């Protein structure tokens, strides 16, 4: 029983670390004139497309952008391969 209680904080900490390391790549637009961009953003909480969409929509809207689509969600291992494509919008929002 003592081992289980001592392991619980470790499990909770590991879960929190996994949630903190979530990223999403997305497409967004602005109108008049039409502008499109591809970007990468960090997401907190559940690492799922629905959660990413809920977080990114308001972030982008605050800067005049409309979220078109969340492409995918991924961990830190996917950052390097997306950095060049995201350019200026890499971890901006």
N, C-alpha and C. Protein backbone atom coordinates (compact mmCIF):
# COMPACT_ATOMS: atom_id res chain seq x y z
N UNK A 1 0.83 -1.20 0.00
CA UNK A 1 0.00 0.00 0.00
C UNK A 1 0.87 1.26 0.00
N UNK A 2 1.93 1.21 0.79
CA UNK A 2 2.83 2.35 0.88
C UNK A 2 3.47 2.66 -0.48
N UNK A 3 3.84 1.60 -1.23
CA UNK A 3 4.44 1.80 -2.55
C UNK A 3 3.46 2.47 -3.50
N UNK A 4 2.20 2.10 -3.44
CA UNK A 4 1.19 2.69 -4.31
C UNK A 4 1.04 4.17 -4.02
N UNK A 5 0.99 4.53 -2.75
CA UNK A 5 0.85 5.93 -2.37
C UNK A 5 2.08 6.74 -2.77
N UNK A 6 3.26 6.15 -2.68
CA UNK A 6 4.47 6.86 -3.08
C UNK A 6 4.56 6.99 -4.59
N UNK A 7 3.98 6.06 -5.33
CA UNK A 7 4.03 6.10 -6.79
C UNK A 7 3.04 7.08 -7.38
N UNK A 8 1.97 7.36 -6.68
CA UNK A 8 0.91 8.22 -7.21
C UNK A 8 1.42 9.60 -7.62
N UNK A 9 2.22 10.30 -6.80
CA UNK A 9 2.73 11.61 -7.25
C UNK A 9 3.57 11.52 -8.52
N UNK A 10 4.32 10.44 -8.66
CA UNK A 10 5.14 10.27 -9.86
C UNK A 10 4.25 10.10 -11.09
N UNK A 11 3.21 9.32 -10.97
CA UNK A 11 2.28 9.12 -12.08
C UNK A 11 1.60 10.44 -12.45
N UNK A 12 1.15 11.19 -11.46
CA UNK A 12 0.50 12.47 -11.72
C UNK A 12 1.46 13.47 -12.36
N UNK A 13 2.69 13.49 -11.91
CA UNK A 13 3.68 14.40 -12.48
C UNK A 13 3.98 14.02 -13.93
N UNK A 14 4.09 12.74 -14.20
CA UNK A 14 4.34 12.28 -15.56
C UNK A 14 3.19 12.65 -16.48
N UNK A 15 1.97 12.50 -16.01
CA UNK A 15 0.79 12.86 -16.80
C UNK A 15 0.78 14.36 -17.07
N UNK A 16 1.10 15.16 -16.10
CA UNK A 16 1.12 16.61 -16.28
C UNK A 16 2.20 17.02 -17.28
N UNK A 17 3.36 16.36 -17.23
CA UNK A 17 4.43 16.68 -18.17
C UNK A 17 4.02 16.32 -19.59
N UNK A 18 3.35 15.19 -19.74
CA UNK A 18 2.91 14.77 -21.07
C UNK A 18 1.90 15.76 -21.64
N UNK A 19 1.01 16.26 -20.80
CA UNK A 19 0.02 17.22 -21.27
C UNK A 19 0.66 18.56 -21.62
N UNK A 20 1.70 18.95 -20.92
CA UNK A 20 2.35 20.23 -21.16
C UNK A 20 3.13 20.23 -22.48
N UNK A 21 3.42 19.08 -23.01
CA UNK A 21 4.21 18.98 -24.23
C UNK A 21 3.34 18.60 -25.42
N UNK A 22 2.32 19.39 -25.69
CA UNK A 22 1.43 19.13 -26.81
C UNK A 22 1.47 20.33 -27.76
N UNK A 23 1.52 20.03 -29.04
CA UNK A 23 1.57 21.06 -30.06
C UNK A 23 0.57 20.72 -31.15
N UNK A 24 0.14 21.73 -31.89
CA UNK A 24 -0.78 21.52 -33.01
C UNK A 24 -0.29 22.32 -34.20
N UNK A 25 -0.44 21.75 -35.38
CA UNK A 25 -0.21 22.55 -36.57
C UNK A 25 -1.57 22.83 -37.20
N UNK A 26 -1.70 24.00 -37.79
CA UNK A 26 -3.01 24.49 -38.22
C UNK A 26 -2.88 25.37 -39.45
N UNK A 27 -4.03 25.66 -40.05
CA UNK A 27 -4.12 26.63 -41.14
C UNK A 27 -5.11 27.71 -40.72
N UNK A 28 -4.80 28.96 -41.08
CA UNK A 28 -5.65 30.09 -40.73
C UNK A 28 -5.70 31.08 -41.89
N UNK A 29 -6.69 31.97 -41.84
CA UNK A 29 -6.84 32.97 -42.91
C UNK A 29 -7.27 34.32 -42.35
N UNK A 30 -7.02 35.35 -43.16
CA UNK A 30 -7.56 36.69 -42.96
C UNK A 30 -8.23 37.09 -44.26
N UNK A 31 -9.27 37.90 -44.18
CA UNK A 31 -9.96 38.39 -45.38
C UNK A 31 -9.61 39.84 -45.65
N UNK A 32 -9.83 40.26 -46.89
CA UNK A 32 -9.70 41.66 -47.35
C UNK A 32 -8.36 42.30 -47.01
N UNK A 33 -7.31 41.99 -47.63
CA UNK A 33 -7.15 41.00 -48.69
C UNK A 33 -6.97 39.60 -48.08
N UNK A 34 -7.23 38.60 -48.89
CA UNK A 34 -7.09 37.22 -48.43
C UNK A 34 -5.63 36.91 -48.14
N UNK A 35 -5.39 36.42 -46.94
CA UNK A 35 -4.06 35.97 -46.52
C UNK A 35 -4.23 34.63 -45.83
N UNK A 36 -3.33 33.72 -46.09
CA UNK A 36 -3.36 32.39 -45.48
C UNK A 36 -2.04 32.15 -44.75
N UNK A 37 -2.10 31.37 -43.68
CA UNK A 37 -0.84 30.95 -43.07
C UNK A 37 -0.98 29.57 -42.45
N UNK A 38 0.16 28.91 -42.37
CA UNK A 38 0.32 27.63 -41.69
C UNK A 38 1.14 27.91 -40.45
N UNK A 39 0.73 27.38 -39.30
CA UNK A 39 1.47 27.64 -38.08
C UNK A 39 1.50 26.46 -37.14
N UNK A 40 2.33 26.60 -36.12
CA UNK A 40 2.47 25.60 -35.06
C UNK A 40 2.30 26.34 -33.74
N UNK A 41 1.49 25.77 -32.85
CA UNK A 41 1.24 26.40 -31.55
C UNK A 41 1.27 25.35 -30.44
N UNK A 42 1.65 25.78 -29.25
CA UNK A 42 1.60 24.87 -28.10
C UNK A 42 0.19 24.87 -27.53
N UNK A 43 -0.26 23.69 -27.12
CA UNK A 43 -1.59 23.49 -26.59
C UNK A 43 -1.48 22.97 -25.16
N UNK A 44 -2.32 23.47 -24.27
CA UNK A 44 -2.32 22.96 -22.90
C UNK A 44 -3.50 22.01 -22.72
N UNK A 45 -3.38 21.16 -21.73
CA UNK A 45 -4.46 20.22 -21.44
C UNK A 45 -4.42 19.01 -22.35
N UNK A 46 -5.60 18.52 -22.68
CA UNK A 46 -5.74 17.31 -23.48
C UNK A 46 -5.12 17.49 -24.86
N UNK A 47 -4.27 16.58 -25.26
CA UNK A 47 -3.60 16.66 -26.56
C UNK A 47 -4.50 16.01 -27.62
N UNK A 48 -5.54 16.72 -28.00
CA UNK A 48 -6.53 16.22 -28.95
C UNK A 48 -6.91 17.35 -29.91
N UNK A 49 -7.26 17.01 -31.15
CA UNK A 49 -7.62 18.04 -32.13
C UNK A 49 -8.76 18.96 -31.66
N UNK A 50 -9.76 18.42 -31.00
CA UNK A 50 -10.87 19.24 -30.52
C UNK A 50 -10.42 20.28 -29.51
N UNK A 51 -9.55 19.89 -28.60
CA UNK A 51 -9.02 20.82 -27.62
C UNK A 51 -8.15 21.88 -28.29
N UNK A 52 -7.35 21.46 -29.25
CA UNK A 52 -6.51 22.41 -30.00
C UNK A 52 -7.38 23.43 -30.72
N UNK A 53 -8.46 22.99 -31.31
CA UNK A 53 -9.36 23.89 -32.03
C UNK A 53 -9.99 24.90 -31.07
N UNK A 54 -10.41 24.44 -29.90
CA UNK A 54 -11.02 25.34 -28.91
C UNK A 54 -10.03 26.39 -28.43
N UNK A 55 -8.78 26.03 -28.29
CA UNK A 55 -7.77 26.99 -27.82
C UNK A 55 -7.29 27.93 -28.92
N UNK A 56 -7.08 27.38 -30.11
CA UNK A 56 -6.51 28.20 -31.19
C UNK A 56 -7.49 29.19 -31.78
N UNK A 57 -8.76 28.82 -31.86
CA UNK A 57 -9.76 29.73 -32.44
C UNK A 57 -9.72 31.12 -31.81
N UNK A 58 -9.88 31.22 -30.49
CA UNK A 58 -9.84 32.54 -29.84
C UNK A 58 -8.47 33.23 -29.91
N UNK A 59 -7.39 32.46 -29.81
CA UNK A 59 -6.05 33.06 -29.90
C UNK A 59 -5.85 33.75 -31.24
N UNK A 60 -6.22 33.04 -32.29
CA UNK A 60 -6.06 33.59 -33.63
C UNK A 60 -7.02 34.75 -33.87
N UNK A 61 -8.27 34.61 -33.43
CA UNK A 61 -9.28 35.66 -33.62
C UNK A 61 -8.85 36.97 -32.97
N UNK A 62 -8.16 36.90 -31.85
CA UNK A 62 -7.70 38.10 -31.17
C UNK A 62 -6.73 38.91 -32.03
N UNK A 63 -6.11 38.25 -33.00
CA UNK A 63 -5.17 38.93 -33.90
C UNK A 63 -5.73 39.07 -35.32
N UNK A 64 -7.04 38.85 -35.46
CA UNK A 64 -7.69 39.05 -36.75
C UNK A 64 -7.64 37.86 -37.71
N UNK A 65 -7.28 36.69 -37.21
CA UNK A 65 -7.20 35.48 -38.03
C UNK A 65 -8.38 34.57 -37.74
N UNK A 66 -8.76 33.77 -38.72
CA UNK A 66 -9.81 32.76 -38.56
C UNK A 66 -9.16 31.39 -38.71
N UNK A 67 -9.36 30.53 -37.73
CA UNK A 67 -8.84 29.17 -37.80
C UNK A 67 -9.61 28.40 -38.86
N UNK A 68 -8.91 27.84 -39.80
CA UNK A 68 -9.54 27.03 -40.84
C UNK A 68 -9.54 25.55 -40.47
N UNK A 69 -8.40 25.07 -39.98
CA UNK A 69 -8.29 23.64 -39.72
C UNK A 69 -7.11 23.35 -38.81
N UNK A 70 -7.32 22.45 -37.85
CA UNK A 70 -6.22 21.89 -37.08
C UNK A 70 -5.75 20.68 -37.87
N UNK A 71 -4.52 20.71 -38.33
CA UNK A 71 -3.98 19.62 -39.14
C UNK A 71 -3.73 18.37 -38.30
N UNK A 72 -3.03 18.55 -37.17
CA UNK A 72 -2.70 17.42 -36.30
C UNK A 72 -2.23 17.95 -34.95
N UNK A 73 -2.19 17.05 -33.99
CA UNK A 73 -1.59 17.34 -32.68
C UNK A 73 -0.44 16.35 -32.50
N UNK A 74 0.60 16.79 -31.79
CA UNK A 74 1.80 15.97 -31.68
C UNK A 74 2.63 16.43 -30.49
N UNK A 75 3.63 15.65 -30.14
CA UNK A 75 4.54 15.99 -29.06
C UNK A 75 5.75 16.74 -29.58
N UNK A 76 6.72 17.00 -28.70
CA UNK A 76 7.90 17.79 -29.08
C UNK A 76 8.72 17.14 -30.19
N UNK A 77 8.58 15.83 -30.37
CA UNK A 77 9.34 15.16 -31.42
C UNK A 77 8.95 15.62 -32.82
N UNK A 78 7.80 16.25 -32.98
CA UNK A 78 7.36 16.71 -34.29
C UNK A 78 7.66 18.16 -34.60
N UNK A 79 8.29 18.87 -33.67
CA UNK A 79 8.53 20.30 -33.85
C UNK A 79 9.54 20.61 -34.96
N UNK A 80 10.67 19.95 -34.94
CA UNK A 80 11.74 20.28 -35.89
C UNK A 80 11.31 20.14 -37.34
N UNK A 81 10.55 19.11 -37.64
CA UNK A 81 10.15 18.89 -39.03
C UNK A 81 9.13 19.91 -39.52
N UNK A 82 8.50 20.66 -38.62
CA UNK A 82 7.48 21.65 -39.01
C UNK A 82 7.98 23.09 -38.92
N UNK A 83 9.13 23.30 -38.32
CA UNK A 83 9.61 24.65 -38.05
C UNK A 83 9.78 25.47 -39.33
N UNK A 84 10.42 24.92 -40.33
CA UNK A 84 10.67 25.66 -41.57
C UNK A 84 9.36 26.01 -42.28
N UNK A 85 8.41 25.09 -42.30
CA UNK A 85 7.13 25.33 -42.98
C UNK A 85 6.32 26.40 -42.27
N UNK A 86 6.39 26.44 -40.95
CA UNK A 86 5.60 27.42 -40.19
C UNK A 86 6.24 28.81 -40.24
N UNK A 87 7.54 28.88 -40.42
CA UNK A 87 8.23 30.16 -40.52
C UNK A 87 7.86 31.13 -39.41
N UNK A 88 7.36 32.30 -39.76
CA UNK A 88 7.01 33.37 -38.81
C UNK A 88 5.93 32.92 -37.81
N UNK A 89 5.15 31.93 -38.18
CA UNK A 89 4.03 31.48 -37.34
C UNK A 89 4.38 30.23 -36.52
N UNK A 90 5.65 29.97 -36.33
CA UNK A 90 6.12 28.87 -35.50
C UNK A 90 6.06 29.31 -34.05
N UNK A 91 5.18 28.70 -33.29
CA UNK A 91 4.96 28.99 -31.86
C UNK A 91 4.62 30.45 -31.59
N UNK A 92 3.99 31.13 -32.56
CA UNK A 92 3.59 32.53 -32.39
C UNK A 92 2.29 32.65 -31.60
N UNK A 93 1.36 31.77 -31.83
CA UNK A 93 0.05 31.87 -31.16
C UNK A 93 -0.11 30.81 -30.10
